[in-house]
């Protein structure tokens, strides 16, 4: 099993360094029928435990994407600045670097990731490293490596070191044969993008590790996430971020989806709140390990009409990208998140009008918006 890689060598080195001459032979773990979870529990020189009264020690992978920096800020307010480590393979901006601990972490480097978890006594891991939908379709081999191989490394390390693991999923985990309005937690999925396939794989592997090894795996299927403090990152729903930037800069917006393309969406503050809530929820309250969450559902046309209340002269045109449109047409139009609302009290704060008001407030006002107000 990958989860016990290097364990025999580590045990051998431990015996040698302690001067043990007891003649013990090291039997492969698989041969004696011991589970990886048992190995992790018994290997006290690797394991990390913490009481519920202590703050968790948090690692965020892929932390320079749309959600990582905001999540780190939220968690540092709650658990303390030095208890939350942001990581990525890219160099952070100065404001990110000086806001709290940041380290280089490559999820494809198993040894490096394992050392980070051990050396920093990590207890919670948020795994955000992934290539998004449209970007993944443009580079399937890289998406397969990052989204699947990287996940395997994270799962093995999390199980070995008894971590609480959060892996986000997505509306992209569903496909054209899924019920679309609404889409329940449990139904046929069958996505047709490497991003979606890798997320279904993540859901199933996480749940398998939970039932097989007791891994505390938790997962939310995010709708399209809208935030003002990050640039669009190649996702199919990123038009809903780009329209605000274009409205502010030029007053012209070209949309790559049809005006009637309805998709579930959420403001980033709701997304981060839900992520923290699912991680803090008592295990006994969770009837499943992967939940839908939702806040609103709208079309490009409906969003443009709301934006034009602030920028009346905004000119919107539609130049449909067939690849992105095909992806959007295979995704849910609306999420059924009743299980999340029942099990752990999920409740969103932002509907479409509040979302648009907040986005423009964050981005700042110019003459067009001032005149409209």
Protein backbone atom coordinates (compact mmCIF):
# COMPACT_ATOMS: atom_id res chain seq x y z
CA UNK A 1 0.00 0.00 0.00
CA UNK A 2 1.30 3.52 -0.77
CA UNK A 3 0.24 4.67 2.69
CA UNK A 4 3.00 2.68 4.39
CA UNK A 5 5.79 3.57 2.00
CA UNK A 6 9.11 4.04 3.82
CA UNK A 7 7.61 2.70 7.09
CA UNK A 8 9.76 -0.42 7.13
CA UNK A 9 12.87 1.64 6.39
CA UNK A 10 11.95 4.13 9.11
CA UNK A 11 11.46 1.34 11.64
CA UNK A 12 14.75 -0.24 10.64
CA UNK A 13 16.57 3.07 11.08
CA UNK A 14 14.90 3.55 14.45
CA UNK A 15 16.11 0.16 15.65
CA UNK A 16 19.63 0.85 14.41
CA UNK A 17 19.82 4.32 15.95
CA UNK A 18 18.59 3.02 19.33
CA UNK A 19 21.27 0.32 19.37
CA UNK A 20 18.71 -2.45 19.48
CA UNK A 21 20.34 -5.82 18.87
CA UNK A 22 17.29 -7.89 19.66
CA UNK A 23 17.31 -9.69 16.34
CA UNK A 24 13.79 -8.61 15.40
CA UNK A 25 12.98 -9.23 11.73
CA UNK A 26 10.84 -6.63 10.01
CA UNK A 27 7.82 -8.29 8.40
CA UNK A 28 6.03 -6.35 5.63
CA UNK A 29 2.85 -4.85 7.03
CA UNK A 30 0.69 -6.12 4.18
CA UNK A 31 1.89 -9.68 4.84
CA UNK A 32 0.63 -9.72 8.43
CA UNK A 33 -2.74 -8.13 7.59
CA UNK A 34 -2.36 -4.88 9.48
CA UNK A 35 -4.30 -1.92 8.08
CA UNK A 36 -2.58 1.36 7.22
CA UNK A 37 -4.70 3.05 9.89
CA UNK A 38 -3.40 0.61 12.53
CA UNK A 39 0.12 1.31 11.39
CA UNK A 40 -0.47 5.03 11.66
CA UNK A 41 -1.93 4.65 15.16
CA UNK A 42 0.93 2.50 16.42
CA UNK A 43 3.74 4.54 14.87
CA UNK A 44 3.91 7.06 17.69
CA UNK A 45 7.11 8.51 16.33
CA UNK A 46 5.13 9.70 13.29
CA UNK A 47 1.61 10.28 14.59
CA UNK A 48 0.20 13.64 15.65
CA UNK A 49 -2.65 13.90 18.12
CA UNK A 50 -4.39 16.87 19.70
CA UNK A 51 -7.15 17.39 22.18
CA UNK A 52 -10.36 19.07 21.16
CA UNK A 53 -9.52 22.02 23.45
CA UNK A 54 -6.38 22.78 21.45
CA UNK A 55 -6.35 24.78 18.25
CA UNK A 56 -5.75 22.68 15.15
CA UNK A 57 -2.48 23.03 13.26
CA UNK A 58 -3.58 23.74 9.69
CA UNK A 59 -1.93 23.25 6.29
CA UNK A 60 -3.56 24.61 3.11
CA UNK A 61 -2.24 23.24 -0.19
CA UNK A 62 -2.69 25.17 -3.43
CA UNK A 63 -3.08 28.19 -1.21
CA UNK A 64 -2.53 30.91 -3.81
CA UNK A 65 -5.66 30.04 -5.76
CA UNK A 66 -9.02 31.77 -5.50
CA UNK A 67 -9.92 30.41 -2.06
CA UNK A 68 -6.71 29.65 -0.16
CA UNK A 69 -5.69 33.17 0.89
CA UNK A 70 -9.20 34.03 2.09
CA UNK A 71 -9.48 30.74 3.98
CA UNK A 72 -6.10 31.33 5.65
CA UNK A 73 -7.25 34.77 6.78
CA UNK A 74 -10.46 33.35 8.26
CA UNK A 75 -8.71 30.46 10.01
CA UNK A 76 -5.95 32.68 11.42
CA UNK A 77 -8.55 34.91 13.03
CA UNK A 78 -10.08 31.86 14.66
CA UNK A 79 -7.06 29.71 15.51
CA UNK A 80 -4.14 32.14 15.60
CA UNK A 81 -1.78 33.40 12.92
CA UNK A 82 0.96 30.84 13.46
CA UNK A 83 -1.37 27.84 13.51
CA UNK A 84 -2.29 28.17 9.82
CA UNK A 85 0.32 27.49 7.13
CA UNK A 86 -0.38 28.52 3.55
CA UNK A 87 1.50 26.64 0.83
CA UNK A 88 1.91 26.58 -2.94
CA UNK A 89 4.56 26.06 -5.62
CA UNK A 90 4.41 29.71 -6.70
CA UNK A 91 5.98 32.74 -5.04
CA UNK A 92 3.41 34.68 -3.00
CA UNK A 93 2.80 38.41 -3.19
CA UNK A 94 4.31 40.46 -0.38
CA UNK A 95 1.00 40.99 1.38
CA UNK A 96 0.37 37.24 1.45
CA UNK A 97 3.91 36.35 2.50
CA UNK A 98 3.91 38.75 5.45
CA UNK A 99 0.38 37.94 6.60
CA UNK A 100 1.36 34.59 8.13
CA UNK A 101 3.37 31.40 7.65
CA UNK A 102 3.97 30.42 4.02
CA UNK A 103 6.01 27.49 2.70
CA UNK A 104 6.74 25.77 -0.61
CA UNK A 105 4.78 22.51 -0.92
CA UNK A 106 4.53 20.35 -4.03
CA UNK A 107 1.74 17.80 -3.63
CA UNK A 108 3.43 15.57 -6.23
CA UNK A 109 6.49 15.32 -3.94
CA UNK A 110 5.32 12.77 -1.37
CA UNK A 111 8.42 13.00 0.82
CA UNK A 112 8.33 16.80 0.95
CA UNK A 113 4.64 16.87 1.84
CA UNK A 114 5.09 14.22 4.53
CA UNK A 115 7.97 16.14 6.09
CA UNK A 116 5.85 19.30 6.20
CA UNK A 117 3.05 17.49 8.03
CA UNK A 118 5.44 15.90 10.54
CA UNK A 119 7.71 18.90 11.15
CA UNK A 120 4.79 21.29 11.65
CA UNK A 121 2.60 18.88 13.64
CA UNK A 122 -0.29 19.37 11.20
CA UNK A 123 -3.71 18.14 12.34
CA UNK A 124 -6.05 19.69 9.72
CA UNK A 125 -5.31 19.69 6.00
CA UNK A 126 -7.26 21.65 3.38
CA UNK A 127 -6.34 20.30 -0.05
CA UNK A 128 -6.98 23.00 -2.65
CA UNK A 129 -4.37 22.07 -5.26
CA UNK A 130 -6.15 21.34 -8.55
CA UNK A 131 -6.43 22.36 -12.19
CA UNK A 132 -9.88 23.78 -12.91
CA UNK A 133 -12.32 22.76 -15.62
CA UNK A 134 -11.28 24.65 -18.77
CA UNK A 135 -7.58 24.68 -17.83
CA UNK A 136 -7.68 20.94 -17.19
CA UNK A 137 -9.19 20.23 -20.60
CA UNK A 138 -6.30 22.12 -22.20
CA UNK A 139 -3.71 19.98 -20.39
CA UNK A 140 -5.18 16.60 -19.44
CA UNK A 141 -1.87 14.90 -18.44
CA UNK A 142 -1.04 17.69 -16.00
CA UNK A 143 -4.59 17.74 -14.63
CA UNK A 144 -4.43 13.97 -14.14
CA UNK A 145 -1.15 14.28 -12.24
CA UNK A 146 -2.17 17.19 -10.02
CA UNK A 147 -5.81 16.26 -9.42
CA UNK A 148 -5.42 12.49 -9.01
CA UNK A 149 -1.81 11.59 -8.15
CA UNK A 150 -1.55 14.59 -5.83
CA UNK A 151 -4.77 13.54 -4.13
CA UNK A 152 -3.41 10.04 -3.52
CA UNK A 153 -0.37 11.49 -1.76
CA UNK A 154 -2.59 13.66 0.42
CA UNK A 155 -4.92 10.79 1.31
CA UNK A 156 -2.06 8.50 2.31
CA UNK A 157 -0.39 11.14 4.47
CA UNK A 158 -3.68 12.18 6.06
CA UNK A 159 -4.55 8.60 6.96
CA UNK A 160 -1.06 7.84 8.26
CA UNK A 161 -0.98 10.90 10.51
CA UNK A 162 -4.62 10.90 11.60
CA UNK A 163 -5.45 14.26 10.03
CA UNK A 164 -8.85 15.81 9.51
CA UNK A 165 -8.89 16.25 5.73
CA UNK A 166 -10.98 18.63 3.65
CA UNK A 167 -11.06 18.20 -0.14
CA UNK A 168 -13.39 20.48 -2.12
CA UNK A 169 -15.52 19.09 -4.89
CA UNK A 170 -17.58 20.97 -7.45
CA UNK A 171 -20.65 21.28 -9.63
CA UNK A 172 -18.30 19.85 -12.25
CA UNK A 173 -18.54 16.44 -10.56
CA UNK A 174 -21.88 15.95 -12.32
CA UNK A 175 -22.54 15.22 -15.97
CA UNK A 176 -25.21 15.47 -18.68
CA UNK A 177 -27.09 12.42 -17.38
CA UNK A 178 -27.38 13.86 -13.85
CA UNK A 179 -30.64 15.48 -12.74
CA UNK A 180 -29.98 19.20 -13.20
CA UNK A 181 -32.76 21.12 -11.46
CA UNK A 182 -32.30 20.42 -8.64
CA UNK A 183 -29.28 18.14 -8.34
CA UNK A 184 -29.37 16.04 -5.13
CA UNK A 185 -26.37 14.85 -3.12
CA UNK A 186 -26.72 11.28 -4.35
CA UNK A 187 -27.44 10.63 -8.01
CA UNK A 188 -25.76 9.59 -11.26
CA UNK A 189 -22.70 11.78 -11.88
CA UNK A 190 -20.70 10.73 -14.99
CA UNK A 191 -18.85 14.01 -15.70
CA UNK A 192 -17.18 14.55 -19.07
CA UNK A 193 -14.20 16.69 -18.06
CA UNK A 194 -10.95 15.55 -16.45
CA UNK A 195 -11.66 18.05 -13.67
CA UNK A 196 -15.04 16.49 -12.98
CA UNK A 197 -13.75 12.94 -13.24
CA UNK A 198 -10.94 13.72 -10.81
CA UNK A 199 -13.39 15.26 -8.34
CA UNK A 200 -15.69 12.22 -8.41
CA UNK A 201 -12.56 10.15 -7.83
CA UNK A 202 -11.66 12.39 -4.86
CA UNK A 203 -15.13 12.02 -3.35
CA UNK A 204 -15.12 8.25 -3.65
CA UNK A 205 -11.53 7.77 -2.52
CA UNK A 206 -12.07 10.03 0.49
CA UNK A 207 -15.19 8.16 1.49
CA UNK A 208 -13.40 4.84 0.97
CA UNK A 209 -10.53 5.91 3.23
CA UNK A 210 -13.09 7.03 5.81
CA UNK A 211 -14.91 3.69 5.88
CA UNK A 212 -11.81 1.53 5.39
CA UNK A 213 -9.26 3.32 7.60
CA UNK A 214 -11.29 5.76 9.67
CA UNK A 215 -9.92 8.87 7.94
CA UNK A 216 -11.86 11.97 9.00
CA UNK A 217 -12.60 13.04 5.43
CA UNK A 218 -14.95 15.95 4.73
CA UNK A 219 -15.98 17.34 1.35
CA UNK A 220 -18.25 20.06 -0.02
CA UNK A 221 -19.37 20.39 -3.61
CA UNK A 222 -18.86 24.07 -4.31
CA UNK A 223 -21.00 25.95 -6.83
CA UNK A 224 -19.34 28.69 -8.88
CA UNK A 225 -17.48 30.92 -6.41
CA UNK A 226 -17.44 34.70 -6.86
CA UNK A 227 -14.86 36.90 -5.16
CA UNK A 228 -13.49 40.39 -5.71
CA UNK A 229 -9.95 39.90 -4.46
CA UNK A 230 -8.82 37.31 -7.01
CA UNK A 231 -8.64 37.26 -10.78
CA UNK A 232 -10.57 34.68 -12.85
CA UNK A 233 -8.61 31.45 -12.97
CA UNK A 234 -9.84 29.59 -16.05
CA UNK A 235 -13.01 28.08 -14.64
CA UNK A 236 -16.27 27.84 -16.58
CA UNK A 237 -18.11 30.01 -14.05
CA UNK A 238 -15.44 32.74 -13.97
CA UNK A 239 -17.52 34.99 -16.24
CA UNK A 240 -19.39 35.91 -13.06
CA UNK A 241 -16.19 37.46 -11.68
CA UNK A 242 -14.93 38.94 -14.94
CA UNK A 243 -18.08 40.98 -15.51
CA UNK A 244 -17.37 43.11 -12.43
CA UNK A 245 -13.79 43.86 -13.45
CA UNK A 246 -14.82 44.71 -17.01
CA UNK A 247 -17.72 46.88 -15.83
CA UNK A 248 -15.30 48.87 -13.70
CA UNK A 249 -12.51 49.17 -16.27
CA UNK A 250 -14.14 49.53 -19.66
CA UNK A 251 -17.91 49.34 -19.34
CA UNK A 252 -17.90 46.49 -21.86
CA UNK A 253 -18.22 42.78 -21.15
CA UNK A 254 -18.04 39.86 -23.58
CA UNK A 255 -19.54 36.68 -22.16
CA UNK A 256 -18.43 33.22 -23.35
CA UNK A 257 -21.67 31.51 -22.26
CA UNK A 258 -25.19 31.86 -23.65
CA UNK A 259 -27.30 34.47 -21.82
CA UNK A 260 -29.72 31.78 -20.54
CA UNK A 261 -27.09 29.45 -19.05
CA UNK A 262 -28.22 28.89 -15.46
CA UNK A 263 -25.65 27.71 -12.90
CA UNK A 264 -25.48 27.61 -9.09
CA UNK A 265 -23.27 30.32 -7.59
CA UNK A 266 -22.01 31.55 -4.22
CA UNK A 267 -20.18 34.56 -2.79
CA UNK A 268 -16.77 33.65 -1.38
CA UNK A 269 -17.62 34.61 2.22
CA UNK A 270 -20.43 32.04 2.24
CA UNK A 271 -18.09 29.46 0.73
CA UNK A 272 -15.40 29.99 3.37
CA UNK A 273 -17.98 30.01 6.16
CA UNK A 274 -19.39 26.68 4.96
CA UNK A 275 -15.89 25.19 4.75
CA UNK A 276 -15.10 26.09 8.35
CA UNK A 277 -18.51 24.92 9.54
CA UNK A 278 -18.20 21.48 7.97
CA UNK A 279 -14.73 21.07 9.49
CA UNK A 280 -15.98 22.05 12.95
CA UNK A 281 -19.18 20.00 12.77
CA UNK A 282 -19.30 17.04 15.20
CA UNK A 283 -18.60 13.80 13.35
CA UNK A 284 -21.80 12.26 14.72
CA UNK A 285 -23.86 15.01 13.04
CA UNK A 286 -22.62 14.08 9.56
CA UNK A 287 -24.85 11.58 7.77
CA UNK A 288 -22.56 11.66 4.74
CA UNK A 289 -19.03 12.79 3.93
CA UNK A 290 -19.73 14.77 0.74
CA UNK A 291 -22.39 17.50 0.71
CA UNK A 292 -23.83 19.91 -1.84
CA UNK A 293 -23.93 23.56 -0.74
CA UNK A 294 -25.73 26.35 -2.55
CA UNK A 295 -26.71 30.00 -2.21
CA UNK A 296 -28.21 31.24 -5.50
CA UNK A 297 -28.65 30.25 -9.12
CA UNK A 298 -28.62 32.73 -12.01
CA UNK A 299 -27.88 33.22 -15.72
CA UNK A 300 -25.40 35.64 -17.34
CA UNK A 301 -28.34 37.75 -18.45
CA UNK A 302 -29.76 37.99 -14.94
CA UNK A 303 -26.35 38.89 -13.51
CA UNK A 304 -25.81 41.54 -16.20
CA UNK A 305 -29.18 43.13 -15.39
CA UNK A 306 -28.24 43.37 -11.73
CA UNK A 307 -24.80 44.81 -12.56
CA UNK A 308 -26.41 47.40 -14.85
CA UNK A 309 -28.22 48.83 -11.85
CA UNK A 310 -24.78 50.11 -10.82
CA UNK A 311 -23.28 50.62 -14.27
CA UNK A 312 -26.28 51.42 -16.53
CA UNK A 313 -24.13 51.93 -19.63
CA UNK A 314 -22.51 48.48 -19.37
CA UNK A 315 -22.51 46.89 -22.81
CA UNK A 316 -22.83 43.09 -22.77
CA UNK A 317 -22.21 40.91 -25.81
CA UNK A 318 -22.14 37.14 -26.15
CA UNK A 319 -19.42 35.22 -27.97
CA UNK A 320 -20.05 31.61 -27.01
CA UNK A 321 -17.03 29.42 -26.33
CA UNK A 322 -18.23 25.99 -27.43
CA UNK A 323 -15.95 24.10 -25.03
CA UNK A 324 -17.03 26.08 -21.98
CA UNK A 325 -20.66 26.07 -23.06
CA UNK A 326 -20.64 22.28 -23.41
CA UNK A 327 -19.16 22.02 -19.93
CA UNK A 328 -21.78 24.37 -18.47
CA UNK A 329 -24.61 22.50 -20.21
CA UNK A 330 -23.53 19.30 -18.46
CA UNK A 331 -23.54 20.86 -15.00
CA UNK A 332 -26.36 21.36 -12.46
CA UNK A 333 -28.64 24.35 -12.84
CA UNK A 334 -29.47 24.31 -9.15
CA UNK A 335 -28.09 22.41 -6.15
CA UNK A 336 -30.25 20.66 -3.56
CA UNK A 337 -28.34 21.30 -0.32
CA UNK A 338 -31.10 20.29 2.11
CA UNK A 339 -28.89 17.65 3.76
CA UNK A 340 -26.22 20.22 4.66
CA UNK A 341 -28.89 22.56 6.05
CA UNK A 342 -30.40 19.76 8.13
CA UNK A 343 -27.24 17.99 9.37
CA UNK A 344 -24.94 20.84 10.36
CA UNK A 345 -27.05 23.98 10.03
CA UNK A 346 -25.73 25.38 6.75
CA UNK A 347 -27.31 28.73 5.85
CA UNK A 348 -26.09 31.21 3.24
CA UNK A 349 -26.00 34.98 3.76
CA UNK A 350 -25.73 36.34 0.19
CA UNK A 351 -28.34 36.30 -2.56
CA UNK A 352 -27.79 37.94 -5.96
CA UNK A 353 -28.58 41.57 -4.98
CA UNK A 354 -26.35 41.35 -1.89
CA UNK A 355 -23.61 39.72 -3.96
CA UNK A 356 -23.54 42.53 -6.54
CA UNK A 357 -23.65 45.26 -3.90
CA UNK A 358 -20.78 43.64 -2.00
CA UNK A 359 -18.65 43.15 -5.10
CA UNK A 360 -18.89 46.80 -6.11
CA UNK A 361 -18.31 47.94 -2.54
CA UNK A 362 -15.14 45.86 -2.42
CA UNK A 363 -13.85 46.88 -5.83
CA UNK A 364 -14.43 50.57 -5.07
CA UNK A 365 -16.54 53.19 -6.78
CA UNK A 366 -15.79 55.15 -9.93
CA UNK A 367 -17.80 57.84 -11.70
CA UNK A 368 -20.12 55.36 -13.42
CA UNK A 369 -21.10 53.65 -10.17
CA UNK A 370 -21.27 56.90 -8.21
CA UNK A 371 -23.67 58.37 -10.78
CA UNK A 372 -25.81 55.23 -10.74
CA UNK A 373 -26.06 55.33 -6.96
